[in-house]
Protein backbone atom coordinates (compact mmCIF):
# COMPACT_ATOMS: atom_id res chain seq x y z
CA MET A 1 114.08 66.28 147.88
CA GLU A 2 112.18 67.80 150.76
CA ILE A 3 108.39 67.82 151.00
CA ILE A 4 106.66 70.60 152.89
CA MET A 5 103.01 70.31 153.79
CA ILE A 6 100.74 73.27 154.44
CA ASP A 7 97.09 73.34 155.37
CA MET A 8 94.44 74.19 152.76
CA LYS A 9 93.58 77.57 154.32
CA THR A 10 97.19 78.77 154.05
CA PHE A 11 97.46 77.43 150.49
CA LYS A 12 94.30 79.27 149.36
CA LYS A 13 95.43 82.49 151.03
CA THR A 14 98.79 82.22 149.26
CA MET A 15 97.05 81.59 145.91
CA VAL A 16 94.86 84.69 146.35
CA GLN A 17 97.93 86.79 147.09
CA LEU A 18 99.76 85.39 144.06
CA GLU A 19 96.76 86.11 141.84
CA PHE A 20 96.64 89.69 143.11
CA LEU A 21 100.37 90.08 142.48
CA HIS A 22 100.01 88.64 138.98
CA LYS A 23 97.23 91.10 138.08
CA ARG A 24 99.17 94.04 139.49
CA LEU A 25 102.29 93.09 137.52
CA ASP A 26 100.23 92.84 134.33
CA GLU A 27 98.85 96.32 134.94
CA LEU A 28 102.32 97.75 135.50
CA VAL A 29 103.71 96.10 132.39
CA ARG A 30 100.85 97.43 130.22
CA LYS A 31 101.16 100.89 131.73
CA ASN A 32 104.90 101.12 131.14
CA GLN A 33 105.10 99.62 127.67
CA PRO A 34 106.22 102.12 125.07
CA LYS A 35 103.44 103.52 122.94
CA ARG A 36 103.20 102.15 119.44
CA LEU A 37 104.74 104.62 117.05
CA GLU A 38 102.48 105.61 114.23
CA GLN A 39 103.64 105.31 110.68
CA TRP A 40 104.00 108.64 108.92
CA VAL A 41 104.42 109.13 105.18
CA ASP A 42 105.23 112.18 103.10
CA ALA A 43 103.13 113.80 100.36
CA GLU A 44 105.13 112.20 97.57
CA TYR A 45 104.41 108.74 98.92
CA VAL A 46 100.68 109.51 99.27
CA CYS A 47 100.48 110.84 95.71
CA ARG A 48 102.16 107.73 94.30
CA ALA A 49 100.17 105.31 96.43
CA LEU A 50 96.79 106.88 95.68
CA GLY A 51 97.50 108.05 92.14
CA LEU A 52 96.88 111.71 93.01
CA THR A 53 98.48 114.90 91.83
CA LYS A 54 100.11 117.17 94.38
CA ARG A 55 97.41 119.75 93.73
CA THR A 56 94.58 117.28 94.43
CA LEU A 57 96.28 116.25 97.64
CA GLN A 58 96.58 119.92 98.58
CA VAL A 59 92.84 120.41 97.98
CA TYR A 60 92.08 117.45 100.26
CA ARG A 61 94.25 119.06 102.95
CA GLU A 62 92.77 122.52 102.56
CA THR A 63 89.18 121.26 102.69
CA GLY A 64 89.90 119.15 105.76
CA LEU A 65 89.25 115.85 104.04
CA LEU A 66 92.69 114.53 104.91
CA ALA A 67 94.49 115.26 108.18
CA TYR A 68 98.16 116.14 108.07
CA SER A 69 101.04 117.55 110.09
CA ARG A 70 103.73 119.98 109.04
CA ILE A 71 107.19 119.38 110.45
CA LYS A 72 109.96 121.81 109.53
CA GLY A 73 108.02 122.86 106.45
CA LYS A 74 107.41 119.33 105.17
CA ILE A 75 103.95 117.76 105.20
CA PHE A 76 103.37 114.28 106.62
CA TYR A 77 100.31 112.06 106.84
CA LYS A 78 99.49 109.26 109.26
CA GLN A 79 98.83 106.00 107.44
CA ALA A 80 95.81 105.45 109.69
CA ASP A 81 94.38 108.81 108.52
CA ILE A 82 94.90 107.82 104.89
CA GLU A 83 93.08 104.54 105.47
CA THR A 84 90.20 106.39 107.17
CA PHE A 85 90.08 108.85 104.27
CA LEU A 86 89.87 106.01 101.74
CA LEU A 87 87.07 104.33 103.68
CA GLU A 88 85.12 107.60 103.76
CA ILE A 89 85.65 108.16 100.03
CA ASN A 90 84.40 104.65 99.26
CA LYS A 91 81.18 105.40 101.17
CA LEU A 92 80.41 108.41 98.96
CA SER A 93 78.12 108.13 95.96
CA ASN A 94 79.54 108.58 92.47
CA GLU A 95 78.00 112.07 92.25
CA GLN A 96 79.67 113.13 95.49
CA LYS A 97 83.01 111.72 94.31
CA LYS A 98 82.87 113.82 91.12
CA LYS A 99 82.66 116.98 93.25
CA LEU A 100 85.97 116.13 94.89
């Protein structure tokens, strides 16, 4: 085994450069990671999960209460949008809920 000695100034300079390199690599890794795919569900799933009729779900879409996307004629919802919708509904008073 061979031992190599370096002076403290050189060691500190090398450590600063390594720290810079480490931070830069972290930035590049974060930048180039694939984006998390969002979970999409269809109308049938939403109706079953929330206990809604298709017509009620359609009303929520038409009034802008629930965001959606149409792909090749089929309607899909982001799970995150459904969760946001449920949180907003829970904030409403009972009188406001009856109007929905």
